[in-house]
Amino acid sequence: MTDQTNTPRRVRVERNIYRRSTGVLEVGFKDASGIQRWRTVEGGIMAARKLRDELLVRRGRGETVAPHARLRFGEAADAWLAGPVLDLRSTTQAGYRSAVDQHLRIRFGNRRLDSIRADELAAMVRELRRDGKSEATIHAVLGATGRIYKLAARRLGFSGANPATPMLPSERPKVSLAKRLPIFTPEQIEQTLEASYEPFRTLFTLAALTGARISELCGLTWEDIRLADPDDAEITFGFQVDRHGNRRPTKTDGSARTVPIPLELAHILARHQRAARDPHPDAFVFATRTGRPLGQRNVARALRTAQQRATTQNGEPTFPVLHQTDEDGHPVPAPAASVPSMHSFRHTVASRALLGGESVDEGAFFLGHRDATITRVVYIREIADARRRHLRRSRMTAEFSGALRIALGDDA
């Protein structure tokens, strides 16, 4: 009979990582009081290594917190919303608050952080998808969950694991499957500009050529635009205006950039400055009568109005979906993402630049992305799909040209 009394409770796998007799991995560490603690890891050796490395980094930074084993999700979420979230843009704050209040708090608010499991988060993802939530929304909800756990571990004494870490790729939101934002064709841009009026015509033109965010366009002052030498004119995007009309620095350092503009756009902006009520350096380029920056909602409404008025050379509506009516002749709201928006100018600029052969790194700088990874995630799928479609059509034509001529017959 085997003697069980000398069987070790844990067997060392590698530094700070142990395996219990049940096969479960644990990471050993010392808390703020110097007491040895053990943290169970959901997942394999890679998850254990990640947790160990996070703990060692925290210790290297001198981050010590008193253990708080009974910390509840709602407490940690409140601390996160009242802390790091306040440093973000107002729209980002609103998005995170919505994720917490509408989706996370009702599910996990009174639960202890260490009681929530990866399977429960996976079930939440499935439920949100069944409820018709977009993949981007689900991604934001799961992202908020991870950030709450990080704050709890760093500042609130939580010593458990983040249940989002061991989630399988198949259980996570599929951001790549999110509905694509429509982009403008050259004809749609021209017809939209024809149907718009100042100052929006100039603003839309600037958006179409630079791909700047609507918040950045509204935040421009004349000091940001250099027109002294029209052949070498450029614009610096270093500020933005939030939805409350407050001018702030751009979201990240990578968002600040200086963009060269063509001679024709320099002349358009010079004409706009001559007609401005206040052309001084600190005045807003696109301002109300009182000198305040144009509101983002007003800009979006002006774009939709121009799109409703826009017509083709044949007098047909440029965007027919905006003119649909029901059986009683009442207007029918256009489906979501069926008509290009202000942000579509940005997608249009990016897509054409990448299709034209510009590098992803150059596109990232031009768009003000923090790094090229964001550009790849957002735009490369569209570019790759467009190239595949072009190559596939060309291949079909080359391989089946004879069959196509026969099928066309007299119409060939």
Protein backbone atom coordinates (compact mmCIF):
# COMPACT_ATOMS: atom_id res chain seq x y z
CA MET A 1 0.00 0.00 0.00
CA THR A 2 1.34 3.40 -0.99
CA ASP A 3 2.04 5.86 1.82
CA GLN A 4 -0.01 9.03 1.10
CA THR A 5 1.29 11.01 4.06
CA ASN A 6 4.38 12.23 2.20
CA THR A 7 2.59 13.23 -1.00
CA PRO A 8 3.24 16.96 -1.51
CA ARG A 9 0.21 19.22 -1.76
CA ARG A 10 1.81 21.11 -4.67
CA VAL A 11 4.54 20.26 -7.12
CA ARG A 12 6.70 23.04 -8.54
CA VAL A 13 6.33 23.41 -12.31
CA GLU A 14 8.55 26.44 -12.74
CA ARG A 15 9.27 29.68 -10.95
CA ASN A 16 6.24 30.73 -8.86
CA ILE A 17 4.00 28.20 -10.65
CA TYR A 18 2.82 24.98 -8.98
CA ARG A 19 0.50 22.12 -9.81
CA ARG A 20 -1.84 20.65 -7.23
CA SER A 21 -2.56 16.94 -7.02
CA THR A 22 -5.83 17.61 -8.82
CA GLY A 23 -3.93 19.02 -11.80
CA VAL A 24 -4.96 22.64 -11.16
CA LEU A 25 -2.23 25.24 -11.56
CA GLU A 26 -1.55 27.85 -8.88
CA VAL A 27 0.69 30.89 -8.72
CA GLY A 28 2.41 31.57 -5.41
CA PHE A 29 3.06 35.12 -4.23
CA LYS A 30 3.34 37.20 -1.10
CA ASP A 31 0.76 39.84 -0.26
CA ALA A 32 1.39 43.29 1.21
CA SER A 33 1.82 41.76 4.65
CA GLY A 34 4.46 39.31 3.50
CA ILE A 35 2.11 36.34 3.87
CA GLN A 36 2.35 33.61 1.27
CA ARG A 37 -0.75 33.47 -0.91
CA TRP A 38 -1.89 31.16 -3.65
CA ARG A 39 -3.93 32.10 -6.68
CA THR A 40 -5.70 29.43 -8.70
CA VAL A 41 -5.37 29.79 -12.46
CA GLU A 42 -8.16 28.98 -14.88
CA GLY A 43 -6.39 27.78 -17.98
CA GLY A 44 -3.07 26.18 -18.82
CA ILE A 45 0.56 27.07 -18.35
CA MET A 46 0.34 30.15 -20.60
CA ALA A 47 -2.37 31.69 -18.39
CA ALA A 48 -0.31 30.87 -15.31
CA ARG A 49 2.79 32.50 -16.77
CA LYS A 50 0.84 35.61 -17.67
CA LEU A 51 -0.54 35.92 -14.14
CA ARG A 52 2.89 35.31 -12.61
CA ASP A 53 4.48 37.96 -14.82
CA GLU A 54 1.77 40.48 -13.90
CA LEU A 55 2.43 39.87 -10.20
CA LEU A 56 6.19 40.22 -10.63
CA VAL A 57 5.76 43.48 -12.56
CA ARG A 58 3.52 44.86 -9.81
CA ARG A 59 6.06 43.88 -7.18
CA GLY A 60 8.84 45.45 -9.23
CA ARG A 61 6.91 48.71 -9.34
CA GLY A 62 6.49 48.65 -5.59
CA GLU A 63 2.74 48.25 -5.81
CA THR A 64 1.55 46.71 -2.56
CA VAL A 65 -2.06 46.47 -1.50
CA ALA A 66 -3.79 44.90 1.41
CA PRO A 67 -5.63 41.74 0.40
CA HIS A 68 -9.39 42.14 -0.05
CA ALA A 69 -10.82 38.69 -0.65
CA ARG A 70 -14.48 39.73 -0.33
CA LEU A 71 -14.38 42.57 -2.85
CA ARG A 72 -17.58 42.70 -4.90
CA PHE A 73 -17.86 43.51 -8.57
CA GLY A 74 -20.09 46.55 -8.01
CA GLU A 75 -17.57 48.11 -5.62
CA ALA A 76 -14.71 47.62 -8.05
CA ALA A 77 -16.80 48.95 -10.95
CA ASP A 78 -17.70 52.10 -8.99
CA ALA A 79 -14.04 52.69 -8.13
CA TRP A 80 -13.06 52.28 -11.78
CA LEU A 81 -15.77 54.66 -13.03
CA ALA A 82 -14.86 57.24 -10.37
CA GLY A 83 -11.14 56.89 -11.04
CA PRO A 84 -9.34 56.10 -14.32
CA VAL A 85 -12.46 56.53 -16.46
CA LEU A 86 -12.70 60.21 -15.53
CA ASP A 87 -9.44 60.84 -17.40
CA LEU A 88 -11.01 59.73 -20.68
CA ARG A 89 -13.09 61.64 -23.22
CA SER A 90 -16.71 62.29 -22.27
CA THR A 91 -17.99 60.00 -25.03
CA THR A 92 -15.69 57.20 -23.84
CA GLN A 93 -16.86 57.75 -20.27
CA ALA A 94 -20.48 57.50 -21.37
CA GLY A 95 -19.76 54.27 -23.25
CA TYR A 96 -18.09 52.63 -20.27
CA ARG A 97 -20.85 53.75 -17.89
CA SER A 98 -23.41 52.27 -20.24
CA ALA A 99 -21.49 48.98 -20.38
CA VAL A 100 -21.38 48.78 -16.58
CA ASP A 101 -24.90 49.96 -15.77
CA GLN A 102 -26.81 48.26 -18.57
CA HIS A 103 -24.97 44.97 -18.86
CA LEU A 104 -22.46 44.20 -16.11
CA ARG A 105 -23.98 45.52 -12.90
CA ILE A 106 -27.28 43.69 -13.36
CA ARG A 107 -25.41 40.40 -13.81
CA PHE A 108 -22.51 40.65 -11.39
CA GLY A 109 -23.07 43.74 -9.21
CA ASN A 110 -23.39 41.91 -5.86
CA ARG A 111 -21.10 39.03 -6.72
CA ARG A 112 -17.65 38.64 -5.25
CA LEU A 113 -14.98 39.21 -7.86
CA ASP A 114 -13.37 35.84 -7.18
CA SER A 115 -16.67 34.01 -7.75
CA ILE A 116 -17.17 35.07 -11.38
CA ARG A 117 -15.99 32.48 -13.90
CA ALA A 118 -14.98 32.51 -17.54
CA ASP A 119 -18.00 30.35 -18.45
CA GLU A 120 -20.30 33.08 -17.09
CA LEU A 121 -18.64 35.73 -19.24
CA ALA A 122 -18.94 33.45 -22.26
CA ALA A 123 -22.65 33.01 -21.48
CA MET A 124 -23.01 36.80 -21.24
CA VAL A 125 -21.45 37.20 -24.69
CA ARG A 126 -23.94 34.71 -26.13
CA GLU A 127 -26.88 36.46 -24.43
CA LEU A 128 -25.86 39.89 -25.70
CA ARG A 129 -25.50 38.48 -29.19
CA ARG A 130 -28.98 36.92 -28.99
CA ASP A 131 -30.34 40.28 -27.84
CA GLY A 132 -29.08 41.83 -31.06
CA LYS A 133 -26.14 43.76 -29.60
CA SER A 134 -23.36 44.55 -32.06
CA GLU A 135 -20.01 42.81 -31.80
CA ALA A 136 -18.45 46.21 -31.06
CA THR A 137 -20.80 46.69 -28.09
CA ILE A 138 -20.05 43.22 -26.76
CA HIS A 139 -16.33 43.89 -27.16
CA ALA A 140 -16.70 47.11 -25.14
CA VAL A 141 -18.58 45.29 -22.36
CA LEU A 142 -15.95 42.57 -22.10
CA GLY A 143 -13.19 45.18 -22.27
CA ALA A 144 -14.74 47.07 -19.36
CA THR A 145 -14.78 43.83 -17.37
CA GLY A 146 -11.07 43.32 -17.88
CA ARG A 147 -10.26 46.90 -16.89
CA ILE A 148 -12.30 46.60 -13.71
CA TYR A 149 -10.36 43.50 -12.69
CA LYS A 150 -7.05 45.22 -13.44
CA LEU A 151 -7.95 48.16 -11.23
CA ALA A 152 -9.12 45.81 -8.47
CA ALA A 153 -5.80 43.94 -8.56
CA ARG A 154 -3.71 47.10 -8.67
CA ARG A 155 -5.45 49.33 -6.15
CA LEU A 156 -8.17 47.47 -4.26
CA GLY A 157 -6.29 44.46 -2.92
CA PHE A 158 -7.94 41.86 -5.12
CA SER A 159 -5.72 38.79 -5.49
CA GLY A 160 -7.87 36.62 -7.72
CA ALA A 161 -7.73 35.96 -11.43
CA ASN A 162 -9.37 37.88 -14.25
CA PRO A 163 -12.02 35.46 -15.62
CA ALA A 164 -11.77 37.02 -19.08
CA THR A 165 -8.19 35.80 -19.49
CA PRO A 166 -8.90 32.08 -20.06
CA MET A 167 -11.85 32.69 -22.41
CA LEU A 168 -11.45 30.83 -25.68
CA PRO A 169 -11.27 32.79 -28.97
CA SER A 170 -14.58 31.23 -30.00
CA GLU A 171 -16.21 32.65 -26.86
CA ARG A 172 -15.08 36.21 -27.44
CA PRO A 173 -16.87 38.89 -29.51
CA LYS A 174 -16.05 38.82 -33.22
CA VAL A 175 -15.19 42.47 -33.87
CA SER A 176 -14.06 41.58 -37.39
CA LEU A 177 -17.66 40.59 -38.18
CA ALA A 178 -19.08 43.94 -37.14
CA LYS A 179 -21.19 45.68 -39.74
CA ARG A 180 -19.04 47.78 -42.03
CA LEU A 181 -19.42 51.51 -42.17
CA PRO A 182 -20.37 52.59 -45.71
CA ILE A 183 -17.90 54.79 -47.56
CA PHE A 184 -18.49 57.56 -50.08
CA THR A 185 -18.00 57.18 -53.80
CA PRO A 186 -16.37 60.19 -55.51
CA GLU A 187 -19.71 61.04 -57.12
CA GLN A 188 -21.52 60.95 -53.77
CA ILE A 189 -19.00 63.35 -52.26
CA GLU A 190 -19.33 65.78 -55.16
CA GLN A 191 -23.13 65.68 -55.10
CA THR A 192 -23.21 66.07 -51.31
CA LEU A 193 -20.97 69.13 -51.50
CA GLU A 194 -23.17 70.60 -54.25
CA ALA A 195 -26.19 70.25 -51.97
CA SER A 196 -24.54 71.69 -48.86
CA TYR A 197 -24.05 75.28 -47.73
CA GLU A 198 -21.38 77.14 -45.79
CA PRO A 199 -19.69 76.67 -43.44
CA PHE A 200 -20.51 73.00 -43.82
CA ARG A 201 -19.39 72.74 -47.44
CA THR A 202 -15.87 73.73 -46.43
CA LEU A 203 -15.98 71.46 -43.38
CA PHE A 204 -17.13 68.46 -45.46
CA THR A 205 -14.44 69.18 -48.04
CA LEU A 206 -11.81 69.21 -45.33
CA ALA A 207 -13.15 65.93 -43.92
CA ALA A 208 -13.14 64.32 -47.37
CA LEU A 209 -9.50 65.23 -48.03
CA THR A 210 -7.92 64.76 -44.59
CA GLY A 211 -10.02 62.06 -42.95
CA ALA A 212 -9.97 64.02 -39.69
CA ARG A 213 -12.36 63.12 -36.91
CA ILE A 214 -15.44 65.31 -36.52
CA SER A 215 -14.25 66.32 -33.04
CA GLU A 216 -10.89 67.42 -34.51
CA LEU A 217 -12.53 69.45 -37.28
CA CYS A 218 -14.74 71.24 -34.76
CA GLY A 219 -11.70 71.91 -32.57
CA LEU A 220 -9.62 73.65 -35.25
CA THR A 221 -8.58 77.25 -34.70
CA TRP A 222 -6.97 79.48 -37.30
CA GLU A 223 -3.68 79.09 -35.47
CA ASP A 224 -3.73 75.41 -36.49
CA ILE A 225 -3.89 76.22 -40.21
CA ARG A 226 -0.84 77.61 -42.00
CA LEU A 227 -1.77 79.36 -45.24
CA ALA A 228 1.03 81.91 -45.60
CA ASP A 229 2.53 79.85 -48.42
CA PRO A 230 -0.43 78.20 -50.22
CA ASP A 231 1.92 75.82 -52.03
CA ASP A 232 3.18 74.53 -48.69
CA ALA A 233 -0.03 74.80 -46.64
CA GLU A 234 -0.67 72.37 -43.79
CA ILE A 235 -3.00 71.74 -40.88
CA THR A 236 -2.09 70.59 -37.37
CA PHE A 237 -4.66 68.45 -35.59
CA GLY A 238 -3.73 68.66 -31.94
CA PHE A 239 -7.05 69.40 -30.26
CA GLN A 240 -10.63 68.24 -30.32
CA VAL A 241 -13.98 69.47 -29.06
CA ASP A 242 -16.12 67.17 -26.95
CA ARG A 243 -19.91 67.01 -27.16
CA HIS A 244 -20.19 69.74 -24.54
CA GLY A 245 -18.14 72.21 -26.60
CA ASN A 246 -14.98 71.96 -24.51
CA ARG A 247 -11.67 72.06 -26.40
CA ARG A 248 -9.18 69.46 -25.21
CA PRO A 249 -5.96 67.86 -26.47
CA THR A 250 -6.43 64.89 -28.77
CA LYS A 251 -7.10 61.51 -27.20
CA THR A 252 -3.52 60.23 -27.48
CA ASP A 253 -0.12 61.62 -28.42
CA GLY A 254 -0.37 59.65 -31.65
CA SER A 255 -3.53 61.54 -32.60
CA ALA A 256 -1.65 64.84 -32.85
CA ARG A 257 -0.31 65.27 -36.37
CA THR A 258 0.40 67.82 -39.09
CA VAL A 259 -1.16 67.10 -42.48
CA PRO A 260 -0.12 68.79 -45.77
CA ILE A 261 -3.02 69.99 -47.92
CA PRO A 262 -3.22 70.73 -51.66
CA LEU A 263 -3.16 74.23 -53.10
CA GLU A 264 -6.88 74.17 -53.96
CA LEU A 265 -7.87 73.35 -50.38
CA ALA A 266 -5.59 76.12 -49.13
CA HIS A 267 -7.48 78.60 -51.34
CA ILE A 268 -10.83 77.27 -50.04
CA LEU A 269 -9.73 77.76 -46.43
CA ALA A 270 -8.29 81.22 -47.16
CA ARG A 271 -11.64 82.24 -48.66
CA HIS A 272 -13.40 80.81 -45.61
CA GLN A 273 -11.13 82.85 -43.31
CA ARG A 274 -11.82 86.06 -45.21
CA ALA A 275 -15.57 85.51 -44.73
CA ALA A 276 -15.25 84.57 -41.05
CA ARG A 277 -16.68 86.80 -38.33
CA ASP A 278 -13.51 86.32 -36.30
CA PRO A 279 -10.34 85.43 -38.26
CA HIS A 280 -7.97 85.81 -35.30
CA PRO A 281 -5.54 82.94 -34.52
CA ASP A 282 -7.41 81.71 -31.44
CA ALA A 283 -10.85 81.79 -33.11
CA PHE A 284 -12.52 78.57 -34.19
CA VAL A 285 -12.41 77.84 -37.91
CA PHE A 286 -15.95 76.46 -37.84
CA ALA A 287 -17.85 78.59 -35.35
CA THR A 288 -21.36 79.66 -34.42
CA ARG A 289 -22.42 83.31 -34.46
CA THR A 290 -21.32 83.60 -30.84
CA GLY A 291 -17.85 82.26 -31.60
CA ARG A 292 -18.41 78.85 -30.05
CA PRO A 293 -17.30 75.75 -31.98
CA LEU A 294 -19.92 74.01 -34.07
CA GLY A 295 -21.57 71.13 -32.26
CA GLN A 296 -20.96 67.62 -33.53
CA ARG A 297 -24.68 66.85 -33.70
CA ASN A 298 -25.34 69.98 -35.76
CA VAL A 299 -22.60 68.96 -38.17
CA ALA A 300 -24.09 65.48 -38.49
CA ARG A 301 -27.56 66.96 -39.09
CA ALA A 302 -26.17 69.29 -41.77
CA LEU A 303 -24.57 66.32 -43.52
CA ARG A 304 -27.84 64.37 -43.50
CA THR A 305 -29.71 67.42 -44.84
CA ALA A 306 -27.21 67.76 -47.70
CA GLN A 307 -27.51 64.05 -48.46
CA GLN A 308 -31.29 64.33 -48.61
CA ARG A 309 -30.98 67.23 -51.08
CA ALA A 310 -28.21 65.65 -53.16
CA THR A 311 -29.12 64.49 -56.67
CA THR A 312 -27.36 62.78 -59.54
CA GLN A 313 -26.82 64.33 -62.98
CA ASN A 314 -30.14 62.76 -64.00
CA GLY A 315 -31.98 64.44 -61.13
CA GLU A 316 -32.38 61.20 -59.15
CA PRO A 317 -31.67 61.14 -55.38
CA THR A 318 -28.04 60.36 -54.63
CA PHE A 319 -29.14 58.41 -51.56
CA PRO A 320 -32.54 56.84 -52.43
CA VAL A 321 -32.84 55.15 -49.03
CA LEU A 322 -33.37 58.59 -47.47
CA HIS A 323 -36.52 59.08 -49.54
CA GLN A 324 -38.37 55.85 -48.80
CA THR A 325 -41.95 56.05 -47.52
CA ASP A 326 -44.45 53.58 -46.12
CA GLU A 327 -47.87 52.70 -47.60
CA ASP A 328 -49.34 55.89 -46.17
CA GLY A 329 -46.63 58.08 -47.68
CA HIS A 330 -44.87 58.71 -44.38
CA PRO A 331 -41.06 58.81 -44.40
CA VAL A 332 -39.34 55.60 -43.33
CA PRO A 333 -36.15 55.99 -41.24
CA ALA A 334 -33.08 54.78 -43.08
CA PRO A 335 -31.63 51.54 -41.66
CA ALA A 336 -28.52 51.89 -39.53
CA ALA A 337 -25.25 52.12 -41.50
CA SER A 338 -27.12 52.39 -44.82
CA VAL A 339 -25.92 55.94 -45.56
CA PRO A 340 -22.38 57.32 -45.16
CA SER A 341 -21.88 59.42 -42.02
CA MET A 342 -19.26 61.97 -40.97
CA HIS A 343 -17.03 59.11 -39.87
CA SER A 344 -17.42 57.61 -43.35
CA PHE A 345 -15.24 60.42 -44.70
CA ARG A 346 -12.48 59.00 -42.52
CA HIS A 347 -13.02 55.43 -43.75
CA THR A 348 -13.13 56.68 -47.33
CA VAL A 349 -9.80 58.50 -47.05
CA ALA A 350 -8.16 55.49 -45.37
CA SER A 351 -9.49 52.95 -47.84
CA ARG A 352 -8.42 54.94 -50.90
CA ALA A 353 -4.98 55.66 -49.47
CA LEU A 354 -4.32 51.99 -48.75
CA LEU A 355 -5.74 50.87 -52.09
CA GLY A 356 -3.53 53.48 -53.74
CA GLY A 357 -0.44 51.79 -52.36
CA GLU A 358 0.33 53.83 -49.24
CA SER A 359 1.81 51.83 -46.38
CA VAL A 360 -0.20 51.02 -43.29
CA ASP A 361 2.28 52.99 -41.16
CA GLU A 362 1.79 56.07 -43.32
CA GLY A 363 -1.97 55.62 -43.12
CA ALA A 364 -1.78 55.33 -39.34
CA PHE A 365 0.09 58.64 -39.09
CA PHE A 366 -2.23 60.41 -41.51
CA LEU A 367 -5.31 59.25 -39.58
CA GLY A 368 -3.84 59.94 -36.14
CA HIS A 369 -3.91 56.35 -34.93
CA ARG A 370 -1.75 55.50 -31.96
CA ASP A 371 -0.02 52.79 -33.99
CA ALA A 372 -0.47 50.86 -37.22
CA THR A 373 -2.19 47.97 -35.42
CA ILE A 374 -5.39 49.98 -35.14
CA THR A 375 -5.25 50.84 -38.84
CA ARG A 376 -4.85 47.18 -39.75
CA VAL A 377 -7.72 46.06 -37.54
CA VAL A 378 -10.14 48.71 -38.78
CA TYR A 379 -9.30 49.01 -42.47
CA ILE A 380 -7.19 46.15 -43.82
CA ARG A 381 -10.14 43.76 -44.00
CA GLU A 382 -11.97 46.18 -46.30
CA ILE A 383 -8.90 46.63 -48.49
CA ALA A 384 -8.16 42.91 -48.63
CA ASP A 385 -11.75 42.14 -49.56
CA ALA A 386 -11.71 44.75 -52.33
CA ARG A 387 -8.49 43.33 -53.76
CA ARG A 388 -9.79 39.78 -53.59
CA ARG A 389 -12.97 40.75 -55.44
CA HIS A 390 -10.96 42.50 -58.15
CA LEU A 391 -8.60 39.54 -58.60
CA ARG A 392 -11.46 37.07 -58.59
CA ARG A 393 -13.34 38.97 -61.32
CA SER A 394 -10.18 39.25 -63.42
CA ARG A 395 -9.48 35.53 -63.05
CA MET A 396 -13.03 34.60 -64.04
CA THR A 397 -12.81 36.79 -67.12
CA ALA A 398 -9.46 35.31 -68.16
CA GLU A 399 -10.41 31.65 -67.59
CA PHE A 400 -13.93 31.73 -69.01
CA SER A 401 -13.71 34.42 -71.69
CA GLY A 402 -14.81 31.96 -74.41
CA ALA A 403 -17.77 30.70 -72.42
CA LEU A 404 -18.82 34.24 -71.63
CA ARG A 405 -18.72 35.23 -75.33
CA ILE A 406 -20.87 32.24 -76.25
CA ALA A 407 -23.36 32.99 -73.46
CA LEU A 408 -23.60 36.65 -74.47
CA GLY A 409 -24.23 35.66 -78.09
CA ASP A 410 -25.42 38.64 -80.16
CA ASP A 411 -24.99 40.96 -77.15
CA ALA A 412 -21.23 40.39 -77.07
